[in-house]
Amino acid sequence: MIKNKRVLIVEDEFSIALDIKISLEKLDYFVVGIADSYKEAMKYMAETILDIVVMDINISGDKNGIETADEIYKKYKTPVVFLTAYDDDTTFKEALQSKPFGFLLKPFKVKELSFAIQIALQKQLENKNVVPSVAKNKLCDTLFIKDKSQLTKVKIEDILWVEAMDNYTQVITKDKKIVVNMFLKEFYEKVPEDKFLRIHRSYIVALEKIDKIETRFVCIGANNIPISKAYKSQLLERLDIL
C-alpha cells in the first residue's frame, strides 16, 4: 500500500466525510482537511501540497464536484477520485470530461476507496515519469527568476531554503535573497523532487543543506526553519537515519 499520502476530502455531508477521514487514517493516509464547497477546496489546493483529492460530485456552492475537479486538474495536475450516489450515464459522461483518476458509486467499502486511491496515485506517478521531449533541451540545474525587466540566474544547488511571503516566494541562497512572483506551491513544482521537500506550509528546504533536525526545527547553518507535524514523517522517510 502507498502510505502517508496527503488526501483532501471534498464532501458536503460532514458525517460521511468524517467516516471517510477516519477510515483513511486507519489505512495510513494523511487527511489534510475536509472541504464542503468549490471555494474551500480551491483554498486547500492553493495553500497545501496534496497527493490526491477524493471528491463528491454533488457538493454545495456555485460549482459542483465535476467543475471543481476540472479546475483542480488543469491548474494543479492533482489526481481526483470521484464519489457519487448517481449511477446514470449522463453523470458519468460529464465526470469523464474532467479526467478523473477513479469513479466510485455510493455506498462503497473503504477497501474499494483505498484501492481506487492507490491506482490513481500509481497512474499519477507514471504520468510524471513521462518526460516531454522538449524538456531535454532545458537547463536542468539552473533557474532564471524574473525581477522587473531582468532575469536573475540561480543555481539549484545554491538554494538553501524557500519561504512563502503572502502571494510571493522568497528564495534564499548563501549569498542572496530573491523574491519570486508566484505561490510557494508553484515554485515547488519547478524544482527537483529528489532535492527539495516542503516541511511546513510556508517553507521548502534543500535536503542536502540540512545540518541538524530538532523537534520543531530544521537547522541550516545558523538558521532554524520550522517544521510542522504534518510534514515531519515525510522528511524522516527521505533521510538515512542510523
C-alpha atoms as a PDB file:
ATOM      1  CA  MET A   1       0.000   0.000   0.000  1.00  0.00           C
ATOM      2  CA  ILE A   2       1.119   3.544  -0.752  1.00  0.00           C
ATOM      3  CA  LYS A   3       1.250   5.151   2.698  1.00  0.00           C
ATOM      4  CA  ASN A   4       1.421   8.655   4.189  1.00  0.00           C
ATOM      5  CA  LYS A   5      -0.060  10.281   1.098  1.00  0.00           C
ATOM      6  CA  ARG A   6      -1.824  13.582   1.635  1.00  0.00           C
ATOM      7  CA  VAL A   7      -5.548  13.458   0.853  1.00  0.00           C
ATOM      8  CA  LEU A   8      -8.161  16.197   0.642  1.00  0.00           C
ATOM      9  CA  ILE A   9     -11.789  15.115   1.086  1.00  0.00           C
ATOM     10  CA  VAL A  10     -14.392  17.268  -0.666  1.00  0.00           C
ATOM     11  CA  GLU A  11     -17.808  16.272   0.663  1.00  0.00           C
ATOM     12  CA  ASP A  12     -20.630  18.484   1.924  1.00  0.00           C
ATOM     13  CA  GLU A  13     -22.193  15.833   4.160  1.00  0.00           C
ATOM     14  CA  PHE A  14     -19.915  16.111   7.156  1.00  0.00           C
ATOM     15  CA  SER A  15     -20.831  12.769   8.730  1.00  0.00           C
ATOM     16  CA  ILE A  16     -19.899  10.952   5.513  1.00  0.00           C
ATOM     17  CA  ALA A  17     -16.698  12.964   5.161  1.00  0.00           C
ATOM     18  CA  LEU A  18     -15.747  12.200   8.762  1.00  0.00           C
ATOM     19  CA  ASP A  19     -16.297   8.460   8.235  1.00  0.00           C
ATOM     20  CA  ILE A  20     -14.046   8.590   5.155  1.00  0.00           C
ATOM     21  CA  LYS A  21     -11.405  10.548   7.067  1.00  0.00           C
ATOM     22  CA  ILE A  22     -11.316   8.103   9.985  1.00  0.00           C
ATOM     23  CA  SER A  23     -11.184   5.108   7.653  1.00  0.00           C
ATOM     24  CA  LEU A  24      -8.377   6.521   5.509  1.00  0.00           C
ATOM     25  CA  GLU A  25      -6.313   7.497   8.543  1.00  0.00           C
ATOM     26  CA  LYS A  26      -6.550   3.909   9.787  1.00  0.00           C
ATOM     27  CA  LEU A  27      -5.046   2.909   6.425  1.00  0.00           C
ATOM     28  CA  ASP A  28      -2.113   5.327   6.967  1.00  0.00           C
ATOM     29  CA  TYR A  29      -3.276   8.112   4.669  1.00  0.00           C
ATOM     30  CA  PHE A  30      -2.882  11.674   5.939  1.00  0.00           C
ATOM     31  CA  VAL A  31      -6.120  13.633   5.523  1.00  0.00           C
ATOM     32  CA  VAL A  32      -5.177  17.327   5.352  1.00  0.00           C
ATOM     33  CA  GLY A  33      -8.766  18.510   5.655  1.00  0.00           C
ATOM     34  CA  ILE A  34     -12.412  18.353   4.651  1.00  0.00           C
ATOM     35  CA  ALA A  35     -13.865  20.877   2.210  1.00  0.00           C
ATOM     36  CA  ASP A  36     -17.585  21.208   1.516  1.00  0.00           C
ATOM     37  CA  SER A  37     -17.522  23.531  -1.487  1.00  0.00           C
ATOM     38  CA  TYR A  38     -15.562  24.661  -4.535  1.00  0.00           C
ATOM     39  CA  LYS A  39     -14.270  27.755  -2.739  1.00  0.00           C
ATOM     40  CA  GLU A  40     -12.974  25.837   0.263  1.00  0.00           C
ATOM     41  CA  ALA A  41     -11.448  23.102  -1.908  1.00  0.00           C
ATOM     42  CA  MET A  42      -9.517  25.616  -4.016  1.00  0.00           C
ATOM     43  CA  LYS A  43      -8.240  27.297  -0.853  1.00  0.00           C
ATOM     44  CA  TYR A  44      -6.730  23.998   0.271  1.00  0.00           C
ATOM     45  CA  MET A  45      -5.240  23.478  -3.186  1.00  0.00           C
ATOM     46  CA  ALA A  46      -3.537  26.892  -3.129  1.00  0.00           C
ATOM     47  CA  GLU A  47      -2.100  26.502   0.367  1.00  0.00           C
ATOM     48  CA  THR A  48      -1.248  22.820   0.703  1.00  0.00           C
ATOM     49  CA  ILE A  49       0.756  20.196  -1.138  1.00  0.00           C
ATOM     50  CA  LEU A  50      -1.678  17.368  -1.913  1.00  0.00           C
ATOM     51  CA  ASP A  51      -1.216  13.952  -3.470  1.00  0.00           C
ATOM     52  CA  ILE A  52      -4.850  13.240  -4.267  1.00  0.00           C
ATOM     53  CA  VAL A  53      -8.405  14.568  -3.863  1.00  0.00           C
ATOM     54  CA  VAL A  54     -11.465  12.464  -3.002  1.00  0.00           C
ATOM     55  CA  MET A  55     -14.357  14.412  -4.496  1.00  0.00           C
ATOM     56  CA  ASP A  56     -18.111  14.047  -4.098  1.00  0.00           C
ATOM     57  CA  ILE A  57     -19.792  15.092  -7.346  1.00  0.00           C
ATOM     58  CA  ASN A  58     -22.771  16.732  -5.638  1.00  0.00           C
ATOM     59  CA  ILE A  59     -21.263  19.454  -3.408  1.00  0.00           C
ATOM     60  CA  SER A  60     -22.713  22.749  -2.250  1.00  0.00           C
ATOM     61  CA  GLY A  61     -21.807  26.114  -3.734  1.00  0.00           C
ATOM     62  CA  ASP A  62     -21.627  27.675  -7.188  1.00  0.00           C
ATOM     63  CA  LYS A  63     -19.687  24.809  -8.768  1.00  0.00           C
ATOM     64  CA  ASN A  64     -20.309  21.080  -8.456  1.00  0.00           C
ATOM     65  CA  GLY A  65     -17.651  18.424  -7.925  1.00  0.00           C
ATOM     66  CA  ILE A  66     -17.089  17.855 -11.640  1.00  0.00           C
ATOM     67  CA  GLU A  67     -16.383  21.531 -12.308  1.00  0.00           C
ATOM     68  CA  THR A  68     -14.191  21.714  -9.216  1.00  0.00           C
ATOM     69  CA  ALA A  69     -12.200  18.632 -10.222  1.00  0.00           C
ATOM     70  CA  ASP A  70     -11.745  20.004 -13.727  1.00  0.00           C
ATOM     71  CA  GLU A  71     -10.189  23.203 -12.398  1.00  0.00           C
ATOM     72  CA  ILE A  72      -8.040  21.326  -9.877  1.00  0.00           C
ATOM     73  CA  TYR A  73      -6.526  19.109 -12.531  1.00  0.00           C
ATOM     74  CA  LYS A  74      -5.987  21.893 -15.044  1.00  0.00           C
ATOM     75  CA  LYS A  75      -4.312  24.166 -12.506  1.00  0.00           C
ATOM     76  CA  TYR A  76      -2.508  21.737 -10.197  1.00  0.00           C
ATOM     77  CA  LYS A  77      -2.422  18.379 -12.041  1.00  0.00           C
ATOM     78  CA  THR A  78      -3.595  16.706  -8.821  1.00  0.00           C
ATOM     79  CA  PRO A  79      -5.490  13.433  -9.385  1.00  0.00           C
ATOM     80  CA  VAL A  80      -9.150  13.251  -8.367  1.00  0.00           C
ATOM     81  CA  VAL A  81     -11.227  10.219  -7.422  1.00  0.00           C
ATOM     82  CA  PHE A  82     -14.973  10.823  -7.696  1.00  0.00           C
ATOM     83  CA  LEU A  83     -17.604   9.645  -5.233  1.00  0.00           C
ATOM     84  CA  THR A  84     -21.268   9.792  -6.183  1.00  0.00           C
ATOM     85  CA  ALA A  85     -24.666   8.340  -5.425  1.00  0.00           C
ATOM     86  CA  TYR A  86     -25.720   8.891  -9.067  1.00  0.00           C
ATOM     87  CA  ASP A  87     -25.234   5.947 -11.428  1.00  0.00           C
ATOM     88  CA  ASP A  88     -26.773   7.432 -14.583  1.00  0.00           C
ATOM     89  CA  ASP A  89     -24.818   7.632 -17.841  1.00  0.00           C
ATOM     90  CA  THR A  90     -25.125  11.428 -18.052  1.00  0.00           C
ATOM     91  CA  THR A  91     -23.342  11.983 -14.734  1.00  0.00           C
ATOM     92  CA  PHE A  92     -20.622   9.507 -15.670  1.00  0.00           C
ATOM     93  CA  LYS A  93     -20.022  11.106 -19.083  1.00  0.00           C
ATOM     94  CA  GLU A  94     -19.839  14.571 -17.530  1.00  0.00           C
ATOM     95  CA  ALA A  95     -17.381  13.308 -14.934  1.00  0.00           C
ATOM     96  CA  LEU A  96     -15.129  11.846 -17.629  1.00  0.00           C
ATOM     97  CA  GLN A  97     -14.609  15.322 -19.086  1.00  0.00           C
ATOM     98  CA  SER A  98     -12.607  16.347 -16.009  1.00  0.00           C
ATOM     99  CA  LYS A  99     -10.181  13.419 -16.428  1.00  0.00           C
ATOM    100  CA  PRO A 100     -10.830  11.668 -13.103  1.00  0.00           C
ATOM    101  CA  PHE A 101      -8.423   9.004 -11.873  1.00  0.00           C
ATOM    102  CA  GLY A 102     -11.231   6.985 -10.336  1.00  0.00           C
ATOM    103  CA  PHE A 103     -15.022   6.784 -10.007  1.00  0.00           C
ATOM    104  CA  LEU A 104     -16.858   5.098  -7.115  1.00  0.00           C
ATOM    105  CA  LEU A 105     -20.577   4.725  -6.501  1.00  0.00           C
ATOM    106  CA  LYS A 106     -22.001   5.221  -3.030  1.00  0.00           C
ATOM    107  CA  PRO A 107     -22.310   3.254  -0.856  1.00  0.00           C
ATOM    108  CA  PHE A 108     -18.813   1.817  -1.194  1.00  0.00           C
ATOM    109  CA  LYS A 109     -16.468  -0.157   1.004  1.00  0.00           C
ATOM    110  CA  VAL A 110     -13.405   1.531   2.452  1.00  0.00           C
ATOM    111  CA  LYS A 111     -11.214  -1.091   0.826  1.00  0.00           C
ATOM    112  CA  GLU A 112     -12.652  -0.146  -2.563  1.00  0.00           C
ATOM    113  CA  LEU A 113     -11.810   3.503  -1.933  1.00  0.00           C
ATOM    114  CA  SER A 114      -8.299   2.576  -0.813  1.00  0.00           C
ATOM    115  CA  PHE A 115      -7.740   0.550  -3.983  1.00  0.00           C
ATOM    116  CA  ALA A 116      -9.075   3.403  -6.118  1.00  0.00           C
ATOM    117  CA  ILE A 117      -6.691   5.861  -4.432  1.00  0.00           C
ATOM    118  CA  GLN A 118      -3.715   3.534  -4.880  1.00  0.00           C
ATOM    119  CA  ILE A 119      -4.490   3.047  -8.567  1.00  0.00           C
ATOM    120  CA  ALA A 120      -4.868   6.815  -9.029  1.00  0.00           C
ATOM    121  CA  LEU A 121      -1.549   7.518  -7.295  1.00  0.00           C
ATOM    122  CA  GLN A 122       0.217   4.912  -9.388  1.00  0.00           C
ATOM    123  CA  LYS A 123      -1.246   6.382 -12.563  1.00  0.00           C
ATOM    124  CA  GLN A 124      -0.149   9.848 -11.490  1.00  0.00           C
ATOM    125  CA  LEU A 125       3.374   8.575 -10.821  1.00  0.00           C
ATOM    126  CA  GLU A 126       3.531   7.011 -14.271  1.00  0.00           C
ATOM    127  CA  ASN A 127       2.340  10.266 -15.840  1.00  0.00           C
ATOM    128  CA  LYS A 128       5.096  12.211 -14.058  1.00  0.00           C
ATOM    129  CA  ASN A 129       7.721   9.798 -15.328  1.00  0.00           C
ATOM    130  CA  VAL A 130       6.780  10.575 -18.925  1.00  0.00           C
ATOM    131  CA  VAL A 131       9.174  13.405 -19.753  1.00  0.00           C
ATOM    132  CA  PRO A 132       8.232  15.599 -22.742  1.00  0.00           C
ATOM    133  CA  SER A 133      10.944  15.679 -25.391  1.00  0.00           C
ATOM    134  CA  VAL A 134      11.165  19.466 -25.219  1.00  0.00           C
ATOM    135  CA  ALA A 135      12.322  19.213 -21.595  1.00  0.00           C
ATOM    136  CA  LYS A 136      15.557  17.572 -22.739  1.00  0.00           C
ATOM    137  CA  ASN A 137      16.649  20.902 -24.170  1.00  0.00           C
ATOM    138  CA  LYS A 138      16.191  22.851 -20.936  1.00  0.00           C
ATOM    139  CA  LEU A 139      18.855  23.598 -18.353  1.00  0.00           C
ATOM    140  CA  CYS A 140      18.192  21.157 -15.532  1.00  0.00           C
ATOM    141  CA  ASP A 141      20.414  22.733 -12.878  1.00  0.00           C
ATOM    142  CA  THR A 142      19.529  26.408 -13.212  1.00  0.00           C
ATOM    143  CA  LEU A 143      16.525  28.680 -12.662  1.00  0.00           C
ATOM    144  CA  PHE A 144      16.139  32.155 -14.125  1.00  0.00           C
ATOM    145  CA  ILE A 145      13.967  34.292 -11.870  1.00  0.00           C
ATOM    146  CA  LYS A 146      12.208  37.313 -13.299  1.00  0.00           C
ATOM    147  CA  ASP A 147      12.985  40.534 -11.444  1.00  0.00           C
ATOM    148  CA  LYS A 148      11.330  43.530 -13.099  1.00  0.00           C
ATOM    149  CA  SER A 149      12.912  43.752 -16.559  1.00  0.00           C
ATOM    150  CA  GLN A 150      15.721  41.272 -15.966  1.00  0.00           C
ATOM    151  CA  LEU A 151      16.215  37.565 -15.313  1.00  0.00           C
ATOM    152  CA  THR A 152      18.400  36.588 -12.367  1.00  0.00           C
ATOM    153  CA  LYS A 153      20.286  33.297 -12.580  1.00  0.00           C
ATOM    154  CA  VAL A 154      20.052  30.949  -9.593  1.00  0.00           C
ATOM    155  CA  LYS A 155      21.814  27.598  -9.474  1.00  0.00           C
ATOM    156  CA  ILE A 156      19.515  24.986  -7.951  1.00  0.00           C
ATOM    157  CA  GLU A 157      22.399  23.581  -5.920  1.00  0.00           C
ATOM    158  CA  ASP A 158      22.875  27.008  -4.280  1.00  0.00           C
ATOM    159  CA  ILE A 159      19.331  27.209  -2.859  1.00  0.00           C
ATOM    160  CA  LEU A 160      19.199  26.688   0.905  1.00  0.00           C
ATOM    161  CA  TRP A 161      15.504  27.097   1.514  1.00  0.00           C
ATOM    162  CA  VAL A 162      12.409  28.800   0.101  1.00  0.00           C
ATOM    163  CA  GLU A 163       9.868  30.797   2.093  1.00  0.00           C
ATOM    164  CA  ALA A 164       6.289  31.880   1.375  1.00  0.00           C
ATOM    165  CA  MET A 165       5.513  35.614   1.626  1.00  0.00           C
ATOM    166  CA  ASP A 166       1.773  36.103   1.003  1.00  0.00           C
ATOM    167  CA  ASN A 167       1.447  35.983  -2.814  1.00  0.00           C
ATOM    168  CA  TYR A 168       5.216  35.868  -3.295  1.00  0.00           C
ATOM    169  CA  THR A 169       8.008  33.411  -2.613  1.00  0.00           C
ATOM    170  CA  GLN A 170      11.475  34.239  -1.315  1.00  0.00           C
ATOM    171  CA  VAL A 171      14.424  32.111  -2.419  1.00  0.00           C
ATOM    172  CA  ILE A 172      17.345  32.064  -0.008  1.00  0.00           C
ATOM    173  CA  THR A 173      20.880  31.143  -1.094  1.00  0.00           C
ATOM    174  CA  LYS A 174      24.146  31.580   0.751  1.00  0.00           C
ATOM    175  CA  ASP A 175      24.792  34.919  -0.925  1.00  0.00           C
ATOM    176  CA  LYS A 176      21.388  36.441  -1.676  1.00  0.00           C
ATOM    177  CA  LYS A 177      17.632  36.526  -1.287  1.00  0.00           C
ATOM    178  CA  ILE A 178      15.406  36.735  -4.350  1.00  0.00           C
ATOM    179  CA  VAL A 179      11.657  37.366  -4.422  1.00  0.00           C
ATOM    180  CA  VAL A 180       9.640  35.365  -6.962  1.00  0.00           C
ATOM    181  CA  ASN A 181       6.200  36.427  -8.160  1.00  0.00           C
ATOM    182  CA  MET A 182       4.469  33.073  -7.577  1.00  0.00           C
ATOM    183  CA  PHE A 183       2.982  30.983  -4.782  1.00  0.00           C
ATOM    184  CA  LEU A 184       5.211  28.599  -2.841  1.00  0.00           C
ATOM    185  CA  LYS A 185       3.338  25.628  -4.244  1.00  0.00           C
ATOM    186  CA  GLU A 186       4.003  26.763  -7.813  1.00  0.00           C
ATOM    187  CA  PHE A 187       7.711  27.179  -7.073  1.00  0.00           C
ATOM    188  CA  TYR A 188       7.833  23.710  -5.504  1.00  0.00           C
ATOM    189  CA  GLU A 189       6.715  22.231  -8.802  1.00  0.00           C
ATOM    190  CA  LYS A 190       9.683  23.870 -10.566  1.00  0.00           C
ATOM    191  CA  VAL A 191      12.457  22.287  -8.503  1.00  0.00           C
ATOM    192  CA  PRO A 192      13.617  18.636  -8.482  1.00  0.00           C
ATOM    193  CA  GLU A 193      11.547  16.418  -6.196  1.00  0.00           C
ATOM    194  CA  ASP A 194      14.614  14.441  -5.126  1.00  0.00           C
ATOM    195  CA  LYS A 195      16.437  17.537  -3.844  1.00  0.00           C
ATOM    196  CA  PHE A 196      13.718  19.563  -2.100  1.00  0.00           C
ATOM    197  CA  LEU A 197      10.918  18.910   0.361  1.00  0.00           C
ATOM    198  CA  ARG A 198       8.143  21.020   1.805  1.00  0.00           C
ATOM    199  CA  ILE A 199       8.356  20.786   5.614  1.00  0.00           C
ATOM    200  CA  HIS A 200       5.841  23.494   6.534  1.00  0.00           C
ATOM    201  CA  ARG A 201       3.015  25.315   4.776  1.00  0.00           C
ATOM    202  CA  SER A 202       5.428  28.247   4.402  1.00  0.00           C
ATOM    203  CA  TYR A 203       8.804  26.536   3.869  1.00  0.00           C
ATOM    204  CA  ILE A 204      10.629  24.283   1.411  1.00  0.00           C
ATOM    205  CA  VAL A 205      14.167  23.133   2.209  1.00  0.00           C
ATOM    206  CA  ALA A 206      17.033  21.710   0.191  1.00  0.00           C
ATOM    207  CA  LEU A 207      17.519  18.267   1.743  1.00  0.00           C
ATOM    208  CA  GLU A 208      21.291  18.226   1.244  1.00  0.00           C
ATOM    209  CA  LYS A 209      21.651  21.557   3.061  1.00  0.00           C
ATOM    210  CA  ILE A 210      20.127  20.312   6.332  1.00  0.00           C
ATOM    211  CA  ASP A 211      22.693  20.264   9.133  1.00  0.00           C
ATOM    212  CA  LYS A 212      20.520  19.196  12.035  1.00  0.00           C
ATOM    213  CA  ILE A 213      16.907  18.279  12.849  1.00  0.00           C
ATOM    214  CA  GLU A 214      15.345  19.249  16.165  1.00  0.00           C
ATOM    215  CA  THR A 215      11.841  18.644  17.462  1.00  0.00           C
ATOM    216  CA  ARG A 216      10.273  21.675  15.823  1.00  0.00           C
ATOM    217  CA  PHE A 217      13.035  22.950  13.542  1.00  0.00           C
ATOM    218  CA  VAL A 218      15.320  22.013  10.707  1.00  0.00           C
ATOM    219  CA  CYS A 219      18.705  23.713  11.036  1.00  0.00           C
ATOM    220  CA  ILE A 220      20.550  25.037   8.002  1.00  0.00           C
ATOM    221  CA  GLY A 221      23.699  26.702   9.243  1.00  0.00           C
ATOM    222  CA  ALA A 222      22.648  29.095  11.997  1.00  0.00           C
ATOM    223  CA  ASN A 223      19.070  29.310  10.684  1.00  0.00           C
ATOM    224  CA  ASN A 224      16.125  27.455  12.243  1.00  0.00           C
ATOM    225  CA  ILE A 225      13.423  26.554   9.720  1.00  0.00           C
ATOM    226  CA  PRO A 226      10.114  25.473  11.338  1.00  0.00           C
ATOM    227  CA  ILE A 227       8.811  22.012  10.548  1.00  0.00           C
ATOM    228  CA  SER A 228       5.171  21.104  11.080  1.00  0.00           C
ATOM    229  CA  LYS A 229       3.967  17.784  12.439  1.00  0.00           C
ATOM    230  CA  ALA A 230       2.058  17.081   9.236  1.00  0.00           C
ATOM    231  CA  TYR A 231       5.262  17.061   7.174  1.00  0.00           C
ATOM    232  CA  LYS A 232       7.789  15.578   9.599  1.00  0.00           C
ATOM    233  CA  SER A 233       7.100  11.925   8.780  1.00  0.00           C
ATOM    234  CA  GLN A 234       7.735  12.629   5.088  1.00  0.00           C
ATOM    235  CA  LEU A 235      11.057  14.273   5.945  1.00  0.00           C
ATOM    236  CA  LEU A 236      12.214  11.334   8.062  1.00  0.00           C
ATOM    237  CA  GLU A 237      11.304   8.937   5.265  1.00  0.00           C
ATOM    238  CA  ARG A 238      13.611  10.822   2.903  1.00  0.00           C
ATOM    239  CA  LEU A 239      16.652  10.543   5.197  1.00  0.00           C
ATOM    240  CA  ASP A 240      19.006   7.713   6.127  1.00  0.00           C
ATOM    241  CA  ILE A 241      18.736   7.540   9.901  1.00  0.00           C
ATOM    242  CA  LEU A 242      21.176   5.408  11.881  1.00  0.00           C
END
